[in-house]
Structure formats: structure tokens, C-alpha cells
């Protein structure tokens, strides 16, 4: 009776090990998928950062271009109404 109980206990432990091994294998696959997604996301972030840096450079270039510009005054603006042809 003790022998049969120990065999049943051992079988139960082996089944638990198999179950946990299957879960571990699944977790390993999910971890690899997560790593791939993280790498992809990091690439997108680097790309976005480069785009932001380029945009910042373009903004600075335009700021430099218009630095000395003065707003137009009323005399410089053509306020004549143009008749629209139908």
C-alpha cells in the first residue's frame, strides 16, 4: 500500500513537472515575442527622435531666416478690393 501510494505521488509530481515545463516553454516563446516587439518599438522611437531632431533643425533655420524681419505696416499692405469676375 505504501509502495502504491508513493508511485501515485511520484506520478502526480511527474505530471506537475510536465505541466510546468509546458508553461515554461510557452512563457519562453512569449518572452521572445516581447523582446522582438521591444526591439521594434525602440527602432520606431529612434526613428521618431531623428525626425524630431530634423524638424527642430528646420524650425531653427526658419527662425534664423526671419530673425531680422519686421511685421508689415498698413502702408505696405495692399488693401484695395479686387472685383471678382463671375
PDB file of N, CA and C in Angstrom:
ATOM      1  N   UNK A   1       0.819  -1.193   0.000  1.00  0.00           N
ATOM      2  CA  UNK A   1       0.000   0.000   0.000  1.00  0.00           C
ATOM      3  C   UNK A   1       0.860   1.253   0.000  1.00  0.00           C
ATOM      4  N   UNK A   2       1.913   1.231   0.816  1.00  0.00           N
ATOM      5  CA  UNK A   2       2.823   2.375   0.832  1.00  0.00           C
ATOM      6  C   UNK A   2       3.491   2.555  -0.522  1.00  0.00           C
ATOM      7  N   UNK A   3       3.864   1.421  -1.105  1.00  0.00           N
ATOM      8  CA  UNK A   3       4.526   1.466  -2.407  1.00  0.00           C
ATOM      9  C   UNK A   3       3.602   2.104  -3.446  1.00  0.00           C
ATOM     10  N   UNK A   4       2.362   1.650  -3.500  1.00  0.00           N
ATOM     11  CA  UNK A   4       1.396   2.177  -4.472  1.00  0.00           C
ATOM     12  C   UNK A   4       1.120   3.660  -4.223  1.00  0.00           C
ATOM     13  N   UNK A   5       1.074   4.067  -2.977  1.00  0.00           N
ATOM     14  CA  UNK A   5       0.855   5.478  -2.645  1.00  0.00           C
ATOM     15  C   UNK A   5       2.038   6.318  -3.114  1.00  0.00           C
ATOM     16  N   UNK A   6       3.249   5.791  -2.914  1.00  0.00           N
ATOM     17  CA  UNK A   6       4.452   6.516  -3.350  1.00  0.00           C
ATOM     18  C   UNK A   6       4.515   6.602  -4.869  1.00  0.00           C
ATOM     19  N   UNK A   7       4.136   5.524  -5.565  1.00  0.00           N
ATOM     20  CA  UNK A   7       4.115   5.536  -7.030  1.00  0.00           C
ATOM     21  C   UNK A   7       3.102   6.571  -7.517  1.00  0.00           C
ATOM     22  N   UNK A   8       1.938   6.615  -6.912  1.00  0.00           N
ATOM     23  CA  UNK A   8       0.907   7.591  -7.292  1.00  0.00           C
ATOM     24  C   UNK A   8       1.393   9.012  -7.016  1.00  0.00           C
ATOM     25  N   UNK A   9       2.060   9.195  -5.886  1.00  0.00           N
ATOM     26  CA  UNK A   9       2.600  10.514  -5.538  1.00  0.00           C
ATOM     27  C   UNK A   9       3.678  10.939  -6.533  1.00  0.00           C
ATOM     28  N   UNK A  10       4.529   9.975  -6.906  1.00  0.00           N
ATOM     29  CA  UNK A  10       5.581  10.251  -7.886  1.00  0.00           C
ATOM     30  C   UNK A  10       4.979  10.588  -9.250  1.00  0.00           C
ATOM     31  N   UNK A  11       3.945   9.862  -9.646  1.00  0.00           N
ATOM     32  CA  UNK A  11       3.280  10.124 -10.927  1.00  0.00           C
ATOM     33  C   UNK A  11       2.649  11.518 -10.922  1.00  0.00           C
ATOM     34  N   UNK A  12       2.045  11.863  -9.796  1.00  0.00           N
ATOM     35  CA  UNK A  12       1.434  13.188  -9.669  1.00  0.00           C
ATOM     36  C   UNK A  12       2.511  14.276  -9.786  1.00  0.00           C
ATOM     37  N   UNK A  13       3.663  14.051  -9.154  1.00  0.00           N
ATOM     38  CA  UNK A  13       4.764  15.013  -9.232  1.00  0.00           C
ATOM     39  C   UNK A  13       5.292  15.115 -10.662  1.00  0.00           C
ATOM     40  N   UNK A  14       5.409  13.973 -11.342  1.00  0.00           N
ATOM     41  CA  UNK A  14       5.873  13.977 -12.740  1.00  0.00           C
ATOM     42  C   UNK A  14       4.898  14.728 -13.644  1.00  0.00           C
ATOM     43  N   UNK A  15       3.604  14.527 -13.416  1.00  0.00           N
ATOM     44  CA  UNK A  15       2.595  15.245 -14.204  1.00  0.00           C
ATOM     45  C   UNK A  15       2.695  16.752 -13.969  1.00  0.00           C
ATOM     46  N   UNK A  16       2.926  17.122 -12.721  1.00  0.00           N
ATOM     47  CA  UNK A  16       3.069  18.547 -12.389  1.00  0.00           C
ATOM     48  C   UNK A  16       4.305  19.124 -13.082  1.00  0.00           C
ATOM     49  N   UNK A  17       5.402  18.363 -13.095  1.00  0.00           N
ATOM     50  CA  UNK A  17       6.633  18.807 -13.768  1.00  0.00           C
ATOM     51  C   UNK A  17       6.381  18.997 -15.259  1.00  0.00           C
ATOM     52  N   UNK A  18       5.674  18.049 -15.885  1.00  0.00           N
ATOM     53  CA  UNK A  18       5.359  18.170 -17.317  1.00  0.00           C
ATOM     54  C   UNK A  18       4.519  19.419 -17.576  1.00  0.00           C
ATOM     55  N   UNK A  19       3.540  19.642 -16.718  1.00  0.00           N
ATOM     56  CA  UNK A  19       2.663  20.807 -16.872  1.00  0.00           C
ATOM     57  C   UNK A  19       3.459  22.105 -16.737  1.00  0.00           C
ATOM     58  N   UNK A  20       4.307  22.154 -15.723  1.00  0.00           N
ATOM     59  CA  UNK A  20       5.112  23.359 -15.516  1.00  0.00           C
ATOM     60  C   UNK A  20       6.128  23.553 -16.640  1.00  0.00           C
ATOM     61  N   UNK A  21       6.650  22.464 -17.176  1.00  0.00           N
ATOM     62  CA  UNK A  21       7.591  22.566 -18.302  1.00  0.00           C
ATOM     63  C   UNK A  21       6.901  23.134 -19.536  1.00  0.00           C
ATOM     64  N   UNK A  22       5.661  22.701 -19.771  1.00  0.00           N
ATOM     65  CA  UNK A  22       4.896  23.224 -20.908  1.00  0.00           C
ATOM     66  C   UNK A  22       4.623  24.717 -20.721  1.00  0.00           C
ATOM     67  N   UNK A  23       4.266  25.095 -19.511  1.00  0.00           N
ATOM     68  CA  UNK A  23       4.019  26.512 -19.218  1.00  0.00           C
ATOM     69  C   UNK A  23       5.300  27.316 -19.404  1.00  0.00           C
ATOM     70  N   UNK A  24       6.409  26.773 -18.931  1.00  0.00           N
ATOM     71  CA  UNK A  24       7.695  27.451 -19.068  1.00  0.00           C
ATOM     72  C   UNK A  24       8.074  27.639 -20.538  1.00  0.00           C
ATOM     73  N   UNK A  25       7.819  26.614 -21.356  1.00  0.00           N
ATOM     74  CA  UNK A  25       8.111  26.719 -22.788  1.00  0.00           C
ATOM     75  C   UNK A  25       7.261  27.819 -23.423  1.00  0.00           C
ATOM     76  N   UNK A  26       6.001  27.895 -23.022  1.00  0.00           N
ATOM     77  CA  UNK A  26       5.109  28.931 -23.551  1.00  0.00           C
ATOM     78  C   UNK A  26       5.572  30.319 -23.110  1.00  0.00           C
ATOM     79  N   UNK A  27       5.983  30.438 -21.867  1.00  0.00           N
ATOM     80  CA  UNK A  27       6.489  31.711 -21.349  1.00  0.00           C
ATOM     81  C   UNK A  27       7.748  32.123 -22.107  1.00  0.00           C
ATOM     82  N   UNK A  28       8.590  31.160 -22.415  1.00  0.00           N
ATOM     83  CA  UNK A  28       9.818  31.444 -23.169  1.00  0.00           C
ATOM     84  C   UNK A  28       9.481  32.009 -24.553  1.00  0.00           C
ATOM     85  N   UNK A  29       8.510  31.415 -25.210  1.00  0.00           N
ATOM     86  CA  UNK A  29       8.081  31.899 -26.533  1.00  0.00           C
ATOM     87  C   UNK A  29       7.529  33.323 -26.416  1.00  0.00           C
ATOM     88  N   UNK A  30       6.692  33.553 -25.405  1.00  0.00           N
ATOM     89  CA  UNK A  30       6.113  34.891 -25.209  1.00  0.00           C
ATOM     90  C   UNK A  30       7.200  35.918 -24.897  1.00  0.00           C
ATOM     91  N   UNK A  31       8.210  35.509 -24.140  1.00  0.00           N
ATOM     92  CA  UNK A  31       9.305  36.428 -23.814  1.00  0.00           C
ATOM     93  C   UNK A  31      10.075  36.814 -25.071  1.00  0.00           C
ATOM     94  N   UNK A  32      10.303  35.843 -25.958  1.00  0.00           N
ATOM     95  CA  UNK A  32      10.990  36.152 -27.222  1.00  0.00           C
ATOM     96  C   UNK A  32      10.151  37.106 -28.066  1.00  0.00           C
ATOM     97  N   UNK A  33       8.840  36.859 -28.118  1.00  0.00           N
ATOM     98  CA  UNK A  33       7.955  37.751 -28.873  1.00  0.00           C
ATOM     99  C   UNK A  33       7.992  39.158 -28.279  1.00  0.00           C
ATOM    100  N   UNK A  34       7.990  39.241 -26.973  1.00  0.00           N
ATOM    101  CA  UNK A  34       8.050  40.546 -26.306  1.00  0.00           C
ATOM    102  C   UNK A  34       9.357  41.256 -26.614  1.00  0.00           C
ATOM    103  N   UNK A  35      10.463  40.516 -26.586  1.00  0.00           N
ATOM    104  CA  UNK A  35      11.767  41.102 -26.919  1.00  0.00           C
ATOM    105  C   UNK A  35      11.762  41.664 -28.332  1.00  0.00           C
ATOM    106  N   UNK A  36      11.174  40.909 -29.263  1.00  0.00           N
ATOM    107  CA  UNK A  36      11.107  41.386 -30.648  1.00  0.00           C
ATOM    108  C   UNK A  36      10.279  42.661 -30.749  1.00  0.00           C
ATOM    109  N   UNK A  37       9.162  42.697 -30.032  1.00  0.00           N
ATOM    110  CA  UNK A  37       8.322  43.897 -30.059  1.00  0.00           C
ATOM    111  C   UNK A  37       9.035  45.087 -29.430  1.00  0.00           C
ATOM    112  N   UNK A  38       9.767  44.845 -28.357  1.00  0.00           N
ATOM    113  CA  UNK A  38      10.523  45.924 -27.711  1.00  0.00           C
ATOM    114  C   UNK A  38      11.590  46.453 -28.663  1.00  0.00           C
ATOM    115  N   UNK A  39      12.293  45.551 -29.344  1.00  0.00           N
ATOM    116  CA  UNK A  39      13.311  45.984 -30.307  1.00  0.00           C
ATOM    117  C   UNK A  39      12.688  46.801 -31.434  1.00  0.00           C
ATOM    118  N   UNK A  40      11.531  46.355 -31.905  1.00  0.00           N
ATOM    119  CA  UNK A  40      10.827  47.088 -32.964  1.00  0.00           C
ATOM    120  C   UNK A  40      10.415  48.474 -32.466  1.00  0.00           C
ATOM    121  N   UNK A  41       9.904  48.526 -31.255  1.00  0.00           N
ATOM    122  CA  UNK A  41       9.485  49.800 -30.670  1.00  0.00           C
ATOM    123  C   UNK A  41      10.674  50.734 -30.474  1.00  0.00           C
ATOM    124  N   UNK A  42      11.798  50.198 -30.022  1.00  0.00           N
ATOM    125  CA  UNK A  42      13.000  51.024 -29.852  1.00  0.00           C
ATOM    126  C   UNK A  42      13.435  51.611 -31.193  1.00  0.00           C
ATOM    127  N   UNK A  43      13.333  50.818 -32.253  1.00  0.00           N
ATOM    128  CA  UNK A  43      13.664  51.319 -33.584  1.00  0.00           C
ATOM    129  C   UNK A  43      12.748  52.460 -33.991  1.00  0.00           C
ATOM    130  N   UNK A  44      11.458  52.309 -33.713  1.00  0.00           N
ATOM    131  CA  UNK A  44      10.493  53.360 -34.043  1.00  0.00           C
ATOM    132  C   UNK A  44      10.766  54.628 -33.231  1.00  0.00           C
ATOM    133  N   UNK A  45      11.128  54.460 -31.968  1.00  0.00           N
ATOM    134  CA  UNK A  45      11.438  55.619 -31.119  1.00  0.00           C
ATOM    135  C   UNK A  45      12.671  56.340 -31.646  1.00  0.00           C
ATOM    136  N   UNK A  46      13.702  55.588 -32.034  1.00  0.00           N
ATOM    137  CA  UNK A  46      14.911  56.209 -32.591  1.00  0.00           C
ATOM    138  C   UNK A  46      14.582  56.966 -33.873  1.00  0.00           C
ATOM    139  N   UNK A  47      13.740  56.347 -34.713  1.00  0.00           N
ATOM    140  CA  UNK A  47      13.327  56.990 -35.963  1.00  0.00           C
ATOM    141  C   UNK A  47      12.560  58.287 -35.664  1.00  0.00           C
ATOM    142  N   UNK A  48      11.647  58.224 -34.711  1.00  0.00           N
ATOM    143  CA  UNK A  48      10.863  59.412 -34.342  1.00  0.00           C
ATOM    144  C   UNK A  48      11.765  60.496 -33.760  1.00  0.00           C
ATOM    145  N   UNK A  49      12.729  60.101 -32.941  1.00  0.00           N
ATOM    146  CA  UNK A  49      13.659  61.083 -32.371  1.00  0.00           C
ATOM    147  C   UNK A  49      14.471  61.766 -33.463  1.00  0.00           C
ATOM    148  N   UNK A  50      14.885  61.004 -34.468  1.00  0.00           N
ATOM    149  CA  UNK A  50      15.635  61.588 -35.580  1.00  0.00           C
ATOM    150  C   UNK A  50      14.759  62.573 -36.353  1.00  0.00           C
ATOM    151  N   UNK A  51      13.486  62.204 -36.560  1.00  0.00           N
ATOM    152  CA  UNK A  51      12.564  63.100 -37.261  1.00  0.00           C
ATOM    153  C   UNK A  51      12.353  64.387 -36.465  1.00  0.00           C
ATOM    154  N   UNK A  52      12.220  64.261 -35.163  1.00  0.00           N
ATOM    155  CA  UNK A  52      12.043  65.443 -34.307  1.00  0.00           C
ATOM    156  C   UNK A  52      13.287  66.327 -34.373  1.00  0.00           C
ATOM    157  N   UNK A  53      14.458  65.708 -34.343  1.00  0.00           N
ATOM    158  CA  UNK A  53      15.704  66.480 -34.418  1.00  0.00           C
ATOM    159  C   UNK A  53      15.785  67.227 -35.745  1.00  0.00           C
ATOM    160  N   UNK A  54      15.428  66.551 -36.837  1.00  0.00           N
ATOM    161  CA  UNK A  54      15.444  67.209 -38.149  1.00  0.00           C
ATOM    162  C   UNK A  54      14.430  68.343 -38.205  1.00  0.00           C
ATOM    163  N   UNK A  55      13.263  68.112 -37.625  1.00  0.00           N
ATOM    164  CA  UNK A  55      12.240  69.163 -37.602  1.00  0.00           C
ATOM    165  C   UNK A  55      12.743  70.358 -36.792  1.00  0.00           C
ATOM    166  N   UNK A  56      13.393  70.071 -35.676  1.00  0.00           N
ATOM    167  CA  UNK A  56      13.955  71.144 -34.849  1.00  0.00           C
ATOM    168  C   UNK A  56      14.977  71.959 -35.610  1.00  0.00           C
ATOM    169  N   UNK A  57      15.804  71.281 -36.397  1.00  0.00           N
ATOM    170  CA  UNK A  57      16.801  71.988 -37.209  1.00  0.00           C
ATOM    171  C   UNK A  57      16.109  72.874 -38.243  1.00  0.00           C
ATOM    172  N   UNK A  58      15.049  72.348 -38.855  1.00  0.00           N
ATOM    173  CA  UNK A  58      14.314  73.131 -39.853  1.00  0.00           C
ATOM    174  C   UNK A  58      13.669  74.354 -39.204  1.00  0.00           C
ATOM    175  N   UNK A  59      13.108  74.174 -38.028  1.00  0.00           N
ATOM    176  CA  UNK A  59      12.491  75.300 -37.313  1.00  0.00           C
ATOM    177  C   UNK A  59      13.541  76.354 -36.985  1.00  0.00           C
ATOM    178  N   UNK A  60      14.691  75.918 -36.508  1.00  0.00           N
ATOM    179  CA  UNK A  60      15.762  76.861 -36.183  1.00  0.00           C
ATOM    180  C   UNK A  60      16.234  77.607 -37.430  1.00  0.00           C
ATOM    181  N   UNK A  61      16.296  76.904 -38.564  1.00  0.00           N
ATOM    182  CA  UNK A  61      16.718  77.547 -39.810  1.00  0.00           C
ATOM    183  C   UNK A  61      15.720  78.632 -40.211  1.00  0.00           C
ATOM    184  N   UNK A  62      14.437  78.340 -40.087  1.00  0.00           N
ATOM    185  CA  UNK A  62      13.409  79.330 -40.431  1.00  0.00           C
ATOM    186  C   UNK A  62      13.455  80.494 -39.450  1.00  0.00           C
ATOM    187  N   UNK A  63      13.644  80.201 -38.175  1.00  0.00           N
ATOM    188  CA  UNK A  63      13.757  81.278 -37.184  1.00  0.00           C
ATOM    189  C   UNK A  63      14.916  82.202 -37.537  1.00  0.00           C
ATOM    190  N   UNK A  64      16.023  81.616 -37.949  1.00  0.00           N
ATOM    191  CA  UNK A  64      17.205  82.402 -38.315  1.00  0.00           C
ATOM    192  C   UNK A  64      16.907  83.260 -39.541  1.00  0.00           C
ATOM    193  N   UNK A  65      16.161  82.693 -40.504  1.00  0.00           N
ATOM    194  CA  UNK A  65      15.809  83.430 -41.727  1.00  0.00           C
ATOM    195  C   UNK A  65      14.956  84.655 -41.414  1.00  0.00           C
ATOM    196  N   UNK A  66      14.018  84.502 -40.510  1.00  0.00           N
ATOM    197  CA  UNK A  66      13.064  85.584 -40.251  1.00  0.00           C
ATOM    198  C   UNK A  66      13.439  86.429 -39.039  1.00  0.00           C
ATOM    199  N   UNK A  67      14.603  86.189 -38.500  1.00  0.00           N
ATOM    200  CA  UNK A  67      15.033  86.888 -37.291  1.00  0.00           C
ATOM    201  C   UNK A  67      14.981  88.410 -37.457  1.00  0.00           C
ATOM    202  N   UNK A  68      15.485  88.899 -38.576  1.00  0.00           N
ATOM    203  CA  UNK A  68      15.558  90.341 -38.796  1.00  0.00           C
ATOM    204  C   UNK A  68      14.288  90.899 -39.435  1.00  0.00           C
ATOM    205  N   UNK A  69      13.359  90.052 -39.793  1.00  0.00           N
ATOM    206  CA  UNK A  69      12.143  90.510 -40.470  1.00  0.00           C
ATOM    207  C   UNK A  69      11.283  91.333 -39.517  1.00  0.00           C
ATOM    208  N   UNK A  70      10.665  92.328 -40.068  1.00  0.00           N
ATOM    209  CA  UNK A  70       9.770  93.187 -39.296  1.00  0.00           C
ATOM    210  C   UNK A  70       8.352  92.969 -39.801  1.00  0.00           C
ATOM    211  N   UNK A  71       7.375  93.115 -38.943  1.00  0.00           N
ATOM    212  CA  UNK A  71       5.994  92.963 -39.401  1.00  0.00           C
ATOM    213  C   UNK A  71       5.648  94.055 -40.413  1.00  0.00           C
ATOM    214  N   UNK A  72       4.790  93.710 -41.325  1.00  0.00           N
ATOM    215  CA  UNK A  72       4.349  94.692 -42.318  1.00  0.00           C
ATOM    216  C   UNK A  72       3.492  95.743 -41.621  1.00  0.00           C
ATOM    217  N   UNK A  73       3.589  96.983 -42.150  1.00  0.00           N
ATOM    218  CA  UNK A  73       2.692  98.005 -41.609  1.00  0.00           C
ATOM    219  C   UNK A  73       1.555  98.204 -42.603  1.00  0.00           C
ATOM    220  N   UNK A  74       0.574  98.968 -42.221  1.00  0.00           N
ATOM    221  CA  UNK A  74      -0.624  99.141 -43.040  1.00  0.00           C
ATOM    222  C   UNK A  74      -0.288  99.704 -44.415  1.00  0.00           C
ATOM    223  N   UNK A  75       0.698 100.592 -44.497  1.00  0.00           N
ATOM    224  CA  UNK A  75       1.045 101.197 -45.780  1.00  0.00           C
ATOM    225  C   UNK A  75       1.604 100.163 -46.756  1.00  0.00           C
ATOM    226  N   UNK A  76       2.203  99.116 -46.250  1.00  0.00           N
ATOM    227  CA  UNK A  76       2.805  98.106 -47.127  1.00  0.00           C
ATOM    228  C   UNK A  76       1.796  97.062 -47.603  1.00  0.00           C
ATOM    229  N   UNK A  77       0.651  97.020 -46.990  1.00  0.00           N
ATOM    230  CA  UNK A  77      -0.345  96.006 -47.338  1.00  0.00           C
ATOM    231  C   UNK A  77      -1.305  96.587 -48.360  1.00  0.00           C
ATOM    232  N   UNK A  78      -1.538  95.831 -49.430  1.00  0.00           N
ATOM    233  CA  UNK A  78      -2.483  96.257 -50.464  1.00  0.00           C
ATOM    234  C   UNK A  78      -3.895  96.014 -49.938  1.00  0.00           C
ATOM    235  N   UNK A  79      -4.581  97.093 -49.646  1.00  0.00           N
ATOM    236  CA  UNK A  79      -5.928  96.974 -49.083  1.00  0.00           C
ATOM    237  C   UNK A  79      -7.007  97.224 -50.129  1.00  0.00           C
ATOM    238  N   UNK A  80      -6.598  97.322 -51.396  1.00  0.00           N
ATOM    239  CA  UNK A  80      -7.577  97.531 -52.460  1.00  0.00           C
ATOM    240  C   UNK A  80      -8.397  96.261 -52.654  1.00  0.00           C
ATOM    241  N   UNK A  81      -9.683  96.454 -52.807  1.00  0.00           N
ATOM    242  CA  UNK A  81     -10.551  95.313 -53.052  1.00  0.00           C
ATOM    243  C   UNK A  81     -10.470  94.938 -54.520  1.00  0.00           C
ATOM    244  N   UNK A  82     -10.406  93.686 -54.767  1.00  0.00           N
ATOM    245  CA  UNK A  82     -10.353  93.197 -56.145  1.00  0.00           C
ATOM    246  C   UNK A  82     -11.736  92.685 -56.490  1.00  0.00           C
ATOM    247  N   UNK A  83     -12.226  93.113 -57.659  1.00  0.00           N
ATOM    248  CA  UNK A  83     -13.543  92.660 -58.070  1.00  0.00           C
ATOM    249  C   UNK A  83     -13.412  91.260 -58.656  1.00  0.00           C
ATOM    250  N   UNK A  84     -14.259  90.389 -58.189  1.00  0.00           N
ATOM    251  CA  UNK A  84     -14.224  89.002 -58.651  1.00  0.00           C
ATOM    252  C   UNK A  84     -15.092  88.894 -59.888  1.00  0.00           C
ATOM    253  N   UNK A  85     -14.517  88.294 -60.935  1.00  0.00           N
ATOM    254  CA  UNK A  85     -15.287  88.109 -62.162  1.00  0.00           C
ATOM    255  C   UNK A  85     -16.134  86.856 -62.033  1.00  0.00           C
ATOM    256  N   UNK A  86     -17.347  86.965 -62.565  1.00  0.00           N
ATOM    257  CA  UNK A  86     -18.267  85.816 -62.476  1.00  0.00           C
ATOM    258  C   UNK A  86     -18.263  85.029 -63.744  1.00  0.00           C
TER     259      UNK A  86
END
